[in-house]
Structure formats: C-alpha cells, structure tokens
Protein backbone atom coordinates (compact mmCIF):
# COMPACT_ATOMS: atom_id res chain seq x y z
CA UNK A 1 -75.51 -130.59 -154.17
CA UNK A 2 -76.66 -127.52 -152.47
CA UNK A 3 -74.38 -125.34 -154.20
CA UNK A 4 -75.76 -126.61 -157.37
CA UNK A 5 -79.54 -125.80 -156.37
CA UNK A 6 -78.23 -122.53 -155.20
CA UNK A 7 -76.55 -121.83 -158.31
CA UNK A 8 -79.63 -122.88 -160.59
CA UNK A 9 -81.89 -120.70 -158.19
CA UNK A 10 -79.55 -117.52 -158.97
CA UNK A 11 -79.55 -118.26 -162.74
CA UNK A 12 -83.38 -118.59 -162.75
CA UNK A 13 -83.63 -115.19 -160.83
CA UNK A 14 -81.25 -113.52 -163.26
CA UNK A 15 -83.15 -114.58 -166.25
CA UNK A 16 -86.46 -113.69 -164.93
CA UNK A 17 -85.06 -110.16 -164.20
CA UNK A 18 -83.51 -110.05 -167.71
CA UNK A 19 -86.73 -110.87 -169.24
CA UNK A 20 -88.80 -108.41 -167.15
CA UNK A 21 -86.46 -105.80 -168.36
CA UNK A 22 -86.53 -106.75 -172.07
CA UNK A 23 -89.45 -105.40 -173.44
CA UNK A 24 -92.66 -103.42 -172.29
CA UNK A 25 -95.89 -102.15 -174.27
CA UNK A 26 -95.29 -98.60 -175.71
CA UNK A 27 -97.10 -95.83 -174.04
CA UNK A 28 -98.57 -93.20 -176.47
CA UNK A 29 -100.00 -89.95 -175.48
CA UNK A 30 -103.04 -88.74 -177.08
CA UNK A 31 -104.78 -85.58 -176.41
CA UNK A 32 -102.54 -84.33 -173.63
CA UNK A 33 -103.99 -81.19 -172.17
CA UNK A 34 -101.53 -78.06 -172.74
CA UNK A 35 -102.26 -75.37 -170.39
CA UNK A 36 -100.42 -72.06 -169.78
CA UNK A 37 -99.68 -70.39 -166.61
CA UNK A 38 -102.78 -68.17 -167.00
CA UNK A 39 -104.85 -71.20 -167.02
CA UNK A 40 -105.65 -70.79 -170.83
CA UNK A 41 -105.15 -73.18 -173.57
CA UNK A 42 -101.73 -73.17 -175.12
CA UNK A 43 -101.35 -71.91 -178.68
CA UNK A 44 -99.88 -73.95 -181.34
CA UNK A 45 -96.84 -71.94 -181.36
CA UNK A 46 -96.24 -72.13 -177.44
CA UNK A 47 -96.80 -75.96 -177.62
CA UNK A 48 -94.15 -76.22 -180.36
CA UNK A 49 -91.66 -74.04 -178.44
CA UNK A 50 -92.35 -76.01 -175.19
CA UNK A 51 -91.69 -79.27 -176.91
CA UNK A 52 -88.33 -77.94 -178.28
CA UNK A 53 -87.35 -76.37 -175.03
CA UNK A 54 -88.19 -79.24 -173.03
CA UNK A 55 -86.82 -81.84 -175.53
CA UNK A 56 -83.72 -80.19 -175.96
CA UNK A 57 -83.01 -80.14 -172.28
CA UNK A 58 -82.88 -83.94 -172.31
CA UNK A 59 -81.28 -84.57 -175.92
CA UNK A 60 -84.69 -84.70 -177.97
CA UNK A 61 -84.46 -82.88 -181.17
CA UNK A 62 -87.77 -81.39 -182.02
CA UNK A 63 -88.51 -80.06 -185.67
CA UNK A 64 -91.63 -78.96 -186.92
CA UNK A 65 -92.79 -81.14 -189.69
CA UNK A 66 -95.92 -79.58 -191.13
CA UNK A 67 -98.88 -77.30 -189.63
CA UNK A 68 -99.88 -79.13 -186.43
CA UNK A 69 -97.01 -81.78 -186.59
CA UNK A 70 -93.64 -82.31 -185.53
CA UNK A 71 -90.87 -85.09 -185.23
CA UNK A 72 -88.98 -85.68 -182.24
CA UNK A 73 -85.50 -87.82 -182.21
CA UNK A 74 -83.34 -88.91 -179.48
CA UNK A 75 -80.05 -90.38 -179.73
CA UNK A 76 -78.62 -91.80 -176.66
CA UNK A 77 -74.78 -92.43 -176.24
CA UNK A 78 -74.57 -93.08 -180.16
CA UNK A 79 -76.25 -96.69 -179.25
CA UNK A 80 -79.95 -96.14 -179.26
CA UNK A 81 -82.17 -93.81 -181.32
CA UNK A 82 -85.93 -93.30 -181.30
CA UNK A 83 -88.26 -90.92 -183.15
CA UNK A 84 -91.92 -90.00 -182.39
CA UNK A 85 -94.54 -88.22 -184.10
CA UNK A 86 -96.35 -85.31 -182.30
CA UNK A 87 -99.53 -83.56 -183.25
CA UNK A 88 -100.54 -80.53 -181.66
CA UNK A 89 -103.41 -78.21 -181.84
CA UNK A 90 -104.82 -75.23 -179.37
CA UNK A 91 -104.62 -76.73 -176.01
CA UNK A 92 -103.53 -80.33 -176.83
CA UNK A 93 -100.80 -82.49 -178.12
CA UNK A 94 -100.23 -86.10 -178.76
CA UNK A 95 -97.03 -88.02 -179.03
CA UNK A 96 -97.01 -91.55 -180.68
CA UNK A 97 -94.13 -93.84 -181.22
CA UNK A 98 -92.51 -94.01 -184.74
CA UNK A 99 -89.39 -96.19 -184.71
CA UNK A 100 -86.32 -96.98 -183.16
CA UNK A 101 -82.96 -98.42 -183.27
CA UNK A 102 -81.36 -100.78 -180.59
CA UNK A 103 -84.10 -100.46 -178.14
CA UNK A 104 -85.60 -104.21 -178.34
CA UNK A 105 -88.79 -103.05 -180.66
CA UNK A 106 -90.82 -106.04 -181.11
CA UNK A 107 -93.99 -106.06 -183.38
CA UNK A 108 -97.06 -105.76 -181.31
CA UNK A 109 -95.62 -102.53 -179.74
CA UNK A 110 -93.08 -103.77 -177.26
CA UNK A 111 -89.94 -101.83 -176.53
CA UNK A 112 -87.08 -101.35 -173.94
CA UNK A 113 -88.75 -99.66 -170.82
CA UNK A 114 -86.39 -96.55 -171.17
CA UNK A 115 -88.23 -95.39 -174.12
CA UNK A 116 -91.43 -94.89 -172.03
CA UNK A 117 -89.58 -93.03 -169.20
CA UNK A 118 -87.92 -90.62 -171.89
CA UNK A 119 -91.15 -89.79 -173.25
CA UNK A 120 -92.74 -89.42 -169.92
CA UNK A 121 -90.07 -87.20 -168.97
CA UNK A 122 -90.54 -85.10 -171.96
CA UNK A 123 -94.17 -84.71 -171.22
CA UNK A 124 -93.72 -83.55 -167.81
CA UNK A 125 -91.17 -81.01 -168.99
CA UNK A 126 -93.44 -79.64 -171.56
CA UNK A 127 -95.88 -79.29 -169.14
CA UNK A 128 -93.48 -77.23 -166.74
CA UNK A 129 -92.33 -75.45 -169.77
CA UNK A 130 -95.81 -74.16 -170.62
CA UNK A 131 -96.93 -73.03 -166.94
CA UNK A 132 -93.80 -70.77 -166.85
CA UNK A 133 -95.13 -67.10 -166.63
C-alpha cells in the first residue's frame, strides 16, 4: 500500500513538472534601446548588421524584409522552427513572435519556454555586438 502511495505521488510530481514546462507566455521585445560603444544611438544599418551577426552565432537567419523591417528564422535540429518579425529604426528595435512549428504554440500567445530563451539570447547578443568598438 505504501508503494502505491509513493508511486502515485511520483506520478503527480512528474505530471506537474511536464505541465509547467509545457507552455509559457510569449515575450515580445518592444523598443529595445540600440546604442553603440560610443554611446550614440545605432543607425539602422548598424542594427541590421548586429542582428545578422548575433543571430548567425546561434543559428538565426536574419534577412531584411523592407525598410526598417527584417525576418528572423531559427531552425533547431530539424525538429523545431520559429520566426519573428523585427522592426528597427535609429536607436531602437523590436522583436515580435510570428510563427512556429513544433513548439507547443497555443492561441493566447503561449509557447515552449525555449522560444523566450532563444530570443532573449538574441537580444543580449545584439547589445554586445553593438557595443563592440
């Protein structure tokens, strides 16, 4: 009987852990400051270049879509795919979720937690890229 209770408790804990990792709210980044090493606002060209270089370091492919707009696409191990719309202007850029494949996306803007980690890493790396002399 004690074994069955222990087994039931383990099943509940595993179920809670799986559910917690399932989906989280999507984090979009609006008006992220883009500053160069000199302290000046980055130009559109500098922002796009930083996005491409920083993104490539982690598998993102960033392509210019139109004036002040770009598309970022990430394919992970041939299983998962995500894309995000990017808008940029002097001194600022924004990243917004567009679509995904195999990342538990649910209406209401829920997604697998790795999406938010990948985009946060991209934002951090863009900042570092812009601060290079």
